[in-house]
Amino acid sequence: MSSEPGLPLRIRVEAAGSATPPGAPVGAAGDLIARLAVSDEVALGVVLAERPAAELRWLVDQVLRKVAKTFSLAGPVTFEVGEGIAADVAETLALDLAHRFGARLVHDLGPAVDAVAAAEARYRAWVEEDAAVRTSLRIASDIAEWGRARAATLPVEVTVYDTADVARMGLNLLMAVGGASAVSPPTLVVARYTPPGTEGQAPWMLLGKGVTFDSGGINVKPYESFVSMMKNDMAGAALAFSLFAHLAEGGFPRPLLLVLPTCENPVGEGAMRPGAVVRSYRGLEVRIDHTDAEGRLILADALAWATDHHAPERVFCFATLTTAALIAYGPYATPVHFAPPDLEAALGRASAATGEDLHFFPRRVWHFEANRDEEADVKNTARLPGHASRGAGSRNAGHFLLHFTDRPLTHFDIFASTWNWAGDAPASGWGATGAPLRTLVKALEELAGS
């Protein structure tokens, strides 16, 4: 096919077993049927296979990549859904198209899809922004501005605790990680959403790791540990805020609490030192065995502080916590730790609908005890018997957080899923994927309505 610049794109998906669309065949991946017809527009017809949503997303994206290489596309991108396509499949494909084409996308699936697309776009934009710009101070100022802009229409309140406040409050682990940075200093951002009639009800807490750049500290990251991509180490904070804002703006029926400990992990004479013992907010002594295991430290202090001051009913923790998540589970998966049965079921249904893979792991006493230390109460690099830490890094790190709260905690290690490590995540170029926001929206809305 010859390239014809400046053509609009029309995409129509049909259910498995439908008639073959007109046009020339596209070398589709897998068992999709794809045809192209070109006139004053590029018309792409796709007959979906009987596959899970995750695989359909990937296969459709592979077809779109081939079309984009052949044609210069301009103007509107129209998405049409044939009879027999499940609503969930249509919505998640539309979200991928919104990711790829932005405001050019035209569809008739309703404003709810556009709202989730906007939340994903904000999440991705924050993660991809340069670390010198998306600092702890910028995170705090943007969320405070969001709160001020909506104070007249939404029951939201934003409080920013600066470095002096953090030190005064006794968040010593957060101070240890970021105290040497003047550019992105230790900051705690807290926002509350309290819909009418829920005053006094315990909130659901969204806790997000906000390390705006992770050098590894004195135990500096080697190149092989993805140091050049560590602006994405605040993805947990970006996800938590984007989810919080989306739910609040959509009239979520339950109170929500957003808690974001944020700073950078610098190298310098004021940086925390390996071997240091730091007294945490909760009173546990923590030995800094390795300065590149910093995310669990700032989360631990914020988690303990919020437990004391807000007594959340549930805690949802989001963090690019461990490279081990990518090593163990691959480039698309999100390991989920400690989800109670009702949440695991809701997340499982949502994941099947959105095509974002989640893998569930229970609490286990040996992972909890692996965080104990001979010198202090706990250390920030757990060891199982036989020093088999590498194979359980994500699980050990998640269990570290359980030492700092008595509230029901579910931890999402998003290191593998939130960045396009393999280069072929659906609709994603180099950078952030937006995962697993759409799954969380669907699961929390179901859980709140049950």
Protein backbone atom coordinates (compact mmCIF):
# COMPACT_ATOMS: atom_id res chain seq x y z
CA MET A 1 0.00 0.00 0.00
CA SER A 2 1.30 3.43 -0.83
CA SER A 3 1.51 6.11 1.79
CA GLU A 4 -0.99 8.95 1.42
CA PRO A 5 -0.39 11.78 3.91
CA GLY A 6 -2.98 13.63 5.88
CA LEU A 7 -5.83 11.11 5.92
CA PRO A 8 -8.34 10.73 8.74
CA LEU A 9 -8.74 7.28 10.28
CA ARG A 10 -11.93 5.32 10.86
CA ILE A 11 -11.71 2.17 12.99
CA ARG A 12 -14.54 -0.31 13.31
CA VAL A 13 -14.38 -3.43 15.45
CA GLU A 14 -16.67 -6.39 14.98
CA ALA A 15 -17.32 -9.43 17.16
CA ALA A 16 -15.70 -12.78 16.46
CA GLY A 17 -17.52 -14.62 13.69
CA SER A 18 -18.64 -11.45 11.88
CA ALA A 19 -18.26 -11.08 8.14
CA THR A 20 -14.82 -10.11 6.89
CA PRO A 21 -14.62 -6.31 6.39
CA PRO A 22 -13.94 -4.93 2.89
CA GLY A 23 -10.48 -3.90 1.81
CA ALA A 24 -6.97 -5.25 1.57
CA PRO A 25 -5.69 -7.55 4.31
CA VAL A 26 -3.40 -6.24 7.02
CA GLY A 27 -0.86 -8.68 8.40
CA ALA A 28 -2.59 -8.86 11.74
CA ALA A 29 -0.93 -10.43 14.72
CA GLY A 30 -2.49 -13.54 16.17
CA ASP A 31 -5.94 -14.53 14.93
CA LEU A 32 -7.46 -11.11 14.36
CA ILE A 33 -8.89 -10.34 10.92
CA ALA A 34 -7.98 -6.82 9.76
CA ARG A 35 -8.72 -5.08 6.44
CA LEU A 36 -7.90 -1.62 5.11
CA ALA A 37 -9.88 0.41 2.57
CA VAL A 38 -8.50 3.77 1.47
CA SER A 39 -10.41 6.62 -0.19
CA ASP A 40 -10.71 10.03 1.40
CA GLU A 41 -10.01 8.30 4.69
CA VAL A 42 -8.24 5.20 6.00
CA ALA A 43 -10.93 2.73 7.01
CA LEU A 44 -9.68 -0.08 9.24
CA GLY A 45 -12.04 -2.96 9.94
CA VAL A 46 -11.09 -5.48 12.62
CA VAL A 47 -12.86 -8.71 13.55
CA LEU A 48 -11.89 -9.52 17.11
CA ALA A 49 -10.95 -13.02 18.23
CA GLU A 50 -12.25 -14.88 21.26
CA ARG A 51 -9.46 -13.80 23.59
CA PRO A 52 -9.03 -12.10 26.97
CA ALA A 53 -9.23 -8.30 26.93
CA ALA A 54 -5.51 -8.02 27.71
CA GLU A 55 -4.61 -9.94 24.56
CA LEU A 56 -7.18 -8.10 22.41
CA ARG A 57 -5.67 -4.78 23.45
CA TRP A 58 -2.19 -5.94 22.49
CA LEU A 59 -3.28 -7.46 19.16
CA VAL A 60 -5.33 -4.44 18.07
CA ASP A 61 -2.41 -2.19 18.97
CA GLN A 62 -0.10 -4.26 16.79
CA VAL A 63 -2.43 -3.67 13.82
CA LEU A 64 -2.55 0.07 14.52
CA ARG A 65 1.23 0.23 14.65
CA LYS A 66 1.38 -1.22 11.14
CA VAL A 67 -1.22 1.26 9.87
CA ALA A 68 0.64 4.19 11.44
CA LYS A 69 3.86 3.11 9.69
CA THR A 70 2.10 2.97 6.32
CA PHE A 71 0.00 6.14 6.42
CA SER A 72 0.44 9.68 7.66
CA LEU A 73 -2.75 10.14 9.64
CA ALA A 74 -4.29 13.54 10.30
CA GLY A 75 -7.63 14.86 11.46
CA PRO A 76 -10.26 12.93 13.38
CA VAL A 77 -9.96 9.30 14.41
CA THR A 78 -13.42 7.77 14.54
CA PHE A 79 -14.04 4.63 16.59
CA GLU A 80 -17.10 2.52 15.81
CA VAL A 81 -18.28 -0.58 17.66
CA GLY A 82 -20.23 -3.34 15.93
CA GLU A 83 -22.98 -5.52 17.35
CA GLY A 84 -21.97 -8.12 19.91
CA ILE A 85 -18.91 -6.33 21.28
CA ALA A 86 -18.91 -6.35 25.09
CA ALA A 87 -19.13 -2.86 26.57
CA ASP A 88 -16.00 -3.41 28.66
CA VAL A 89 -13.98 -4.38 25.58
CA ALA A 90 -15.24 -1.35 23.66
CA GLU A 91 -14.40 0.99 26.53
CA THR A 92 -10.87 -0.30 27.10
CA LEU A 93 -10.09 -0.17 23.36
CA ALA A 94 -11.44 3.40 23.29
CA LEU A 95 -9.19 4.31 26.22
CA ASP A 96 -6.19 2.94 24.32
CA LEU A 97 -7.16 5.02 21.29
CA ALA A 98 -7.53 8.09 23.50
CA HIS A 99 -4.04 7.39 24.83
CA ARG A 100 -2.67 7.20 21.28
CA PHE A 101 -4.66 9.96 19.55
CA GLY A 102 -5.79 12.28 22.35
CA ALA A 103 -8.48 14.83 21.52
CA ARG A 104 -8.62 13.64 17.90
CA LEU A 105 -10.61 10.58 18.96
CA VAL A 106 -14.34 10.58 18.19
CA HIS A 107 -16.61 7.93 19.74
CA ASP A 108 -20.13 7.53 21.08
CA LEU A 109 -19.35 5.54 24.23
CA GLY A 110 -20.23 8.39 26.57
CA PRO A 111 -18.51 10.90 28.86
CA ALA A 112 -17.42 8.32 31.43
CA VAL A 113 -14.80 7.03 28.99
CA ASP A 114 -13.53 10.57 28.40
CA ALA A 115 -13.27 11.17 32.16
CA VAL A 116 -11.12 8.07 32.68
CA ALA A 117 -9.04 9.01 29.63
CA ALA A 118 -8.39 12.45 31.13
CA ALA A 119 -7.33 10.87 34.44
CA GLU A 120 -4.94 8.52 32.64
CA ALA A 121 -3.54 11.43 30.63
CA ARG A 122 -2.75 13.41 33.80
CA TYR A 123 -1.19 10.34 35.40
CA ARG A 124 1.05 9.69 32.39
CA ALA A 125 2.00 13.34 31.98
CA TRP A 126 3.22 13.59 35.58
CA VAL A 127 5.24 10.38 35.31
CA GLU A 128 6.90 11.48 32.06
CA GLU A 129 7.73 15.02 33.19
CA ASP A 130 11.36 15.90 33.81
CA ALA A 131 12.41 15.31 37.40
CA ALA A 132 13.80 18.83 37.64
CA VAL A 133 10.27 20.10 37.00
CA ARG A 134 8.02 17.50 38.67
CA THR A 135 9.54 18.03 42.12
CA SER A 136 7.92 17.53 45.50
CA LEU A 137 7.23 21.27 45.57
CA ARG A 138 5.50 21.10 42.16
CA ILE A 139 3.43 18.09 43.19
CA ALA A 140 2.30 19.92 46.31
CA SER A 141 1.52 23.19 44.53
CA ASP A 142 -0.43 21.48 41.73
CA ILE A 143 -2.59 19.51 44.15
CA ALA A 144 -3.16 22.58 46.32
CA GLU A 145 -4.22 24.52 43.21
CA TRP A 146 -6.53 21.69 42.19
CA GLY A 147 -8.13 21.84 45.63
CA ARG A 148 -8.57 25.62 45.54
CA ALA A 149 -10.14 25.48 42.08
CA ARG A 150 -12.74 22.95 43.25
CA ALA A 151 -13.38 24.10 46.80
CA ALA A 152 -16.64 25.80 45.80
CA THR A 153 -18.07 22.73 44.07
CA LEU A 154 -16.49 19.69 45.73
CA PRO A 155 -16.14 18.71 49.41
CA VAL A 156 -12.34 18.60 49.22
CA GLU A 157 -9.62 19.99 51.46
CA VAL A 158 -5.88 19.96 50.73
CA THR A 159 -3.11 20.37 53.32
CA VAL A 160 0.59 20.61 52.46
CA TYR A 161 3.18 19.89 55.15
CA ASP A 162 6.55 21.37 54.20
CA THR A 163 9.99 20.16 55.29
CA ALA A 164 9.87 21.99 58.61
CA ASP A 165 6.47 20.44 59.32
CA VAL A 166 7.69 16.97 58.35
CA ALA A 167 10.63 17.28 60.74
CA ARG A 168 8.44 18.63 63.54
CA MET A 169 5.90 15.80 63.04
CA GLY A 170 8.62 13.18 63.50
CA LEU A 171 8.55 11.71 59.99
CA ASN A 172 12.21 10.89 60.32
CA LEU A 173 12.31 8.26 57.58
CA LEU A 174 10.95 10.76 55.06
CA MET A 175 13.54 13.27 56.29
CA ALA A 176 16.32 10.69 56.01
CA VAL A 177 15.51 9.93 52.37
CA GLY A 178 15.00 13.47 51.10
CA GLY A 179 16.50 15.78 53.69
CA ALA A 180 19.61 16.50 51.60
CA SER A 181 17.62 17.87 48.65
CA ALA A 182 16.80 21.55 48.31
CA VAL A 183 15.27 21.01 44.86
CA SER A 184 12.75 18.35 45.87
CA PRO A 185 12.68 18.39 49.68
CA PRO A 186 10.61 16.20 52.02
CA THR A 187 6.94 17.14 51.73
CA LEU A 188 3.71 15.48 52.80
CA VAL A 189 0.58 16.22 50.77
CA VAL A 190 -2.78 15.30 52.31
CA ALA A 191 -6.21 15.76 50.73
CA ARG A 192 -9.62 14.80 52.04
CA TYR A 193 -12.83 14.24 50.14
CA THR A 194 -15.93 14.03 52.34
CA PRO A 195 -19.21 13.76 50.42
CA PRO A 196 -22.35 14.96 52.19
CA GLY A 197 -23.70 12.50 54.71
CA THR A 198 -20.38 10.73 55.30
CA GLU A 199 -18.99 13.02 57.98
CA GLY A 200 -17.38 10.91 60.69
CA GLN A 201 -17.11 7.86 58.42
CA ALA A 202 -13.63 6.32 58.17
CA PRO A 203 -12.09 7.12 54.78
CA TRP A 204 -10.53 4.90 52.18
CA MET A 205 -6.91 5.98 51.99
CA LEU A 206 -4.91 6.30 48.77
CA LEU A 207 -1.19 6.27 49.62
CA GLY A 208 1.33 6.98 46.87
CA LYS A 209 5.12 6.89 46.74
CA GLY A 210 6.42 10.22 45.44
CA VAL A 211 10.18 9.85 44.96
CA THR A 212 10.62 12.42 42.19
CA PHE A 213 14.04 11.10 41.22
CA ASP A 214 15.79 8.06 42.64
CA SER A 215 19.56 8.19 42.28
CA GLY A 216 19.84 5.29 44.70
CA GLY A 217 21.48 7.58 47.22
CA ILE A 218 24.97 6.71 48.42
CA ASN A 219 24.33 3.16 47.18
CA VAL A 220 24.00 4.81 43.78
CA LYS A 221 22.06 2.96 41.09
CA PRO A 222 24.09 1.43 38.26
CA TYR A 223 22.94 2.01 34.72
CA GLU A 224 21.50 -1.51 34.63
CA SER A 225 19.03 -0.53 37.37
CA PHE A 226 17.28 1.91 35.03
CA VAL A 227 18.67 5.04 36.68
CA SER A 228 18.05 7.04 33.48
CA MET A 229 14.31 6.39 33.88
CA MET A 230 14.00 7.12 37.58
CA LYS A 231 11.89 10.21 37.06
CA ASN A 232 9.11 7.59 37.03
CA ASP A 233 9.69 6.75 40.70
CA MET A 234 6.87 9.12 41.68
CA ALA A 235 4.34 7.13 39.65
CA GLY A 236 2.63 5.93 42.82
CA ALA A 237 1.89 9.52 43.84
CA ALA A 238 0.74 10.39 40.31
CA LEU A 239 -1.57 7.36 40.25
CA ALA A 240 -2.97 8.02 43.72
CA PHE A 241 -3.75 11.67 42.96
CA SER A 242 -5.20 10.98 39.51
CA LEU A 243 -7.43 8.28 41.01
CA PHE A 244 -8.43 10.52 43.92
CA ALA A 245 -9.27 13.46 41.65
CA HIS A 246 -11.23 11.29 39.22
CA LEU A 247 -13.31 9.67 41.96
CA ALA A 248 -13.96 12.96 43.75
CA GLU A 249 -14.94 14.77 40.56
CA GLY A 250 -17.27 11.88 39.70
CA GLY A 251 -19.14 12.08 43.02
CA PHE A 252 -17.69 8.99 44.69
CA PRO A 253 -20.06 7.97 47.53
CA ARG A 254 -17.42 7.30 50.20
CA PRO A 255 -14.91 9.60 51.92
CA LEU A 256 -11.37 9.43 50.55
CA LEU A 257 -8.01 10.35 52.03
CA LEU A 258 -5.02 11.08 49.79
CA VAL A 259 -1.58 10.83 51.42
CA LEU A 260 1.56 11.50 49.38
CA PRO A 261 5.03 11.47 50.95
CA THR A 262 7.27 13.05 48.33
CA CYS A 263 10.94 14.01 47.95
CA GLU A 264 13.91 12.89 45.89
CA ASN A 265 16.60 10.41 46.91
CA PRO A 266 19.80 12.42 46.40
CA VAL A 267 23.51 11.75 46.45
CA GLY A 268 25.48 14.16 48.61
CA GLU A 269 27.13 14.81 51.94
CA GLY A 270 23.75 15.25 53.62
CA ALA A 271 22.26 12.07 52.20
CA MET A 272 21.34 9.18 54.48
CA ARG A 273 24.17 6.73 55.01
CA PRO A 274 24.12 2.96 54.75
CA GLY A 275 24.13 1.48 58.23
CA ALA A 276 22.36 4.42 59.86
CA VAL A 277 19.59 3.63 62.34
CA VAL A 278 16.60 5.97 62.16
CA ARG A 279 13.70 6.16 64.58
CA SER A 280 10.50 6.09 62.53
CA TYR A 281 7.31 8.01 63.25
CA ARG A 282 5.79 4.84 64.73
CA GLY A 283 8.75 4.43 67.07
CA LEU A 284 10.34 1.44 65.38
CA GLU A 285 14.07 1.70 64.85
CA VAL A 286 14.90 1.16 61.18
CA ARG A 287 18.37 0.29 59.92
CA ILE A 288 19.21 1.72 56.52
CA ASP A 289 20.88 -1.34 55.07
CA HIS A 290 20.75 0.03 51.51
CA THR A 291 19.88 3.59 50.47
CA ASP A 292 18.22 2.42 47.24
CA ALA A 293 15.42 0.77 49.23
CA GLU A 294 14.02 4.20 50.00
CA GLY A 295 10.41 4.00 48.84
CA ARG A 296 9.29 1.74 51.66
CA LEU A 297 10.84 4.19 54.14
CA ILE A 298 8.83 7.25 53.12
CA LEU A 299 5.68 5.16 52.77
CA ALA A 300 6.16 3.67 56.23
CA ASP A 301 6.23 7.07 57.95
CA ALA A 302 3.28 8.42 55.98
CA LEU A 303 1.31 5.24 56.59
CA ALA A 304 1.93 5.30 60.33
CA TRP A 305 1.12 9.01 60.59
CA ALA A 306 -2.14 8.65 58.64
CA THR A 307 -3.10 5.59 60.69
CA ASP A 308 -2.80 7.64 63.87
CA HIS A 309 -4.48 10.79 62.61
CA HIS A 310 -7.18 9.53 60.24
CA ALA A 311 -7.82 5.82 61.11
CA PRO A 312 -8.64 4.82 57.52
CA GLU A 313 -11.02 1.92 56.95
CA ARG A 314 -8.90 0.60 54.08
CA VAL A 315 -5.49 1.57 52.73
CA PHE A 316 -4.57 1.29 49.05
CA CYS A 317 -0.83 1.78 48.56
CA PHE A 318 0.67 2.47 45.11
CA ALA A 319 4.41 2.46 44.53
CA THR A 320 7.10 1.71 41.99
CA LEU A 321 8.52 -0.17 44.93
CA THR A 322 10.85 -2.81 43.52
CA THR A 323 12.73 -3.68 40.35
CA ALA A 324 12.04 -7.23 41.50
CA ALA A 325 8.44 -6.79 40.32
CA LEU A 326 9.69 -6.40 36.75
CA ILE A 327 12.18 -9.25 37.07
CA ALA A 328 9.67 -11.66 38.60
CA TYR A 329 6.39 -10.77 36.91
CA GLY A 330 7.31 -9.27 33.53
CA PRO A 331 6.68 -5.89 31.91
CA TYR A 332 2.87 -5.66 32.13
CA ALA A 333 1.92 -7.20 35.46
CA THR A 334 1.02 -5.54 38.76
CA PRO A 335 1.58 -7.71 41.83
CA VAL A 336 -1.09 -6.96 44.43
CA HIS A 337 -0.34 -7.82 48.04
CA PHE A 338 -2.76 -8.47 50.92
CA ALA A 339 -6.06 -7.74 49.13
CA PRO A 340 -8.98 -8.96 51.26
CA PRO A 341 -11.41 -11.33 49.51
CA ASP A 342 -14.00 -8.73 48.49
CA LEU A 343 -11.36 -6.42 47.05
CA GLU A 344 -9.50 -9.24 45.28
CA ALA A 345 -12.75 -10.33 43.66
CA ALA A 346 -13.60 -6.79 42.52
CA LEU A 347 -10.09 -6.22 41.22
CA GLY A 348 -10.16 -9.56 39.41
CA ARG A 349 -13.39 -8.68 37.62
CA ALA A 350 -12.11 -5.20 36.77
CA SER A 351 -8.79 -6.53 35.52
CA ALA A 352 -10.52 -9.02 33.23
CA ALA A 353 -12.62 -6.19 31.80
CA THR A 354 -9.83 -3.65 31.31
CA GLY A 355 -7.07 -5.99 30.17
CA GLU A 356 -4.61 -4.84 32.84
CA ASP A 357 -2.98 -7.89 34.43
CA LEU A 358 -3.00 -8.16 38.23
CA HIS A 359 -1.47 -11.00 40.26
CA PHE A 360 -2.51 -11.54 43.86
CA PHE A 361 -0.31 -12.56 46.79
CA PRO A 362 -1.38 -13.13 50.40
CA ARG A 363 0.28 -12.13 53.62
CA ARG A 364 2.84 -14.67 54.83
CA VAL A 365 4.59 -14.64 58.19
CA TRP A 366 8.02 -15.49 56.77
CA HIS A 367 7.99 -12.42 54.53
CA PHE A 368 6.88 -10.30 57.49
CA GLU A 369 9.62 -11.66 59.74
CA ALA A 370 12.22 -11.34 56.97
CA ASN A 371 12.25 -7.60 57.68
CA ARG A 372 13.53 -8.03 61.26
CA ASP A 373 17.03 -6.84 62.12
CA GLU A 374 19.64 -7.79 64.69
CA GLU A 375 20.66 -4.18 65.42
CA ALA A 376 17.38 -2.32 64.98
CA ASP A 377 13.75 -3.42 64.97
CA VAL A 378 13.57 -3.75 61.19
CA LYS A 379 15.82 -3.06 58.19
CA ASN A 380 14.96 -1.82 54.73
CA THR A 381 16.34 -4.84 52.86
CA ALA A 382 14.65 -8.02 53.94
CA ARG A 383 16.32 -11.41 53.85
CA LEU A 384 14.64 -14.77 53.80
CA PRO A 385 16.53 -17.77 55.21
CA GLY A 386 19.45 -18.56 52.95
CA HIS A 387 19.52 -14.88 51.84
CA ALA A 388 17.02 -15.71 49.08
CA SER A 389 15.92 -12.10 48.84
CA ARG A 390 16.10 -11.50 45.11
CA GLY A 391 13.31 -13.91 44.28
CA ALA A 392 10.96 -12.39 46.84
CA GLY A 393 11.91 -8.73 46.67
CA SER A 394 8.44 -7.37 45.90
CA ARG A 395 6.77 -9.50 48.56
CA ASN A 396 9.36 -8.72 51.24
CA ALA A 397 9.12 -4.98 50.54
CA GLY A 398 5.35 -5.05 50.73
CA HIS A 399 5.49 -6.88 54.07
CA PHE A 400 7.84 -4.18 55.41
CA LEU A 401 4.89 -1.77 55.30
CA LEU A 402 2.78 -4.05 57.49
CA HIS A 403 5.06 -3.19 60.41
CA PHE A 404 3.74 0.39 60.31
CA THR A 405 -0.03 0.12 60.45
CA ASP A 406 -2.81 -1.94 61.96
CA ARG A 407 -5.29 -0.92 59.26
CA PRO A 408 -6.22 -3.23 56.34
CA LEU A 409 -3.51 -2.54 53.75
CA THR A 410 -3.44 -3.55 50.09
CA HIS A 411 -0.21 -2.79 48.27
CA PHE A 412 0.21 -2.45 44.50
CA ASP A 413 3.80 -2.70 43.26
CA ILE A 414 3.43 -0.85 39.94
CA PHE A 415 7.09 -0.76 38.87
CA ALA A 416 6.58 -3.26 36.05
CA SER A 417 3.22 -2.07 34.72
CA THR A 418 3.37 1.71 34.83
CA TRP A 419 6.26 2.12 32.35
CA ASN A 420 6.56 0.74 28.82
CA TRP A 421 9.61 -1.40 29.54
CA ALA A 422 9.06 -3.85 26.68
CA GLY A 423 8.27 -1.13 24.15
CA ASP A 424 5.00 -2.68 22.99
CA ALA A 425 2.51 -1.84 25.72
CA PRO A 426 -0.82 -1.02 24.01
CA ALA A 427 -1.04 2.58 22.75
CA SER A 428 2.14 3.56 24.59
CA GLY A 429 5.18 5.12 23.11
CA TRP A 430 8.32 5.45 25.18
CA GLY A 431 7.18 6.30 28.68
CA ALA A 432 4.20 5.82 30.96
CA THR A 433 1.38 3.36 30.25
CA GLY A 434 -1.38 4.69 32.52
CA ALA A 435 -1.74 1.28 34.19
CA PRO A 436 -3.47 0.22 36.37
CA LEU A 437 -5.70 3.30 36.80
CA ARG A 438 -8.68 2.12 34.74
CA THR A 439 -8.79 -1.14 36.69
CA LEU A 440 -8.74 0.69 40.02
CA VAL A 441 -11.53 3.04 38.94
CA LYS A 442 -13.77 0.15 37.97
CA ALA A 443 -12.97 -1.94 41.08
CA LEU A 444 -13.36 0.85 43.63
CA GLU A 445 -16.60 2.05 42.07
CA GLU A 446 -17.97 -1.50 42.24
CA LEU A 447 -16.78 -1.96 45.82
CA ALA A 448 -18.25 1.36 46.95
CA GLY A 449 -21.61 0.46 45.43
CA SER A 450 -21.81 -3.02 46.90
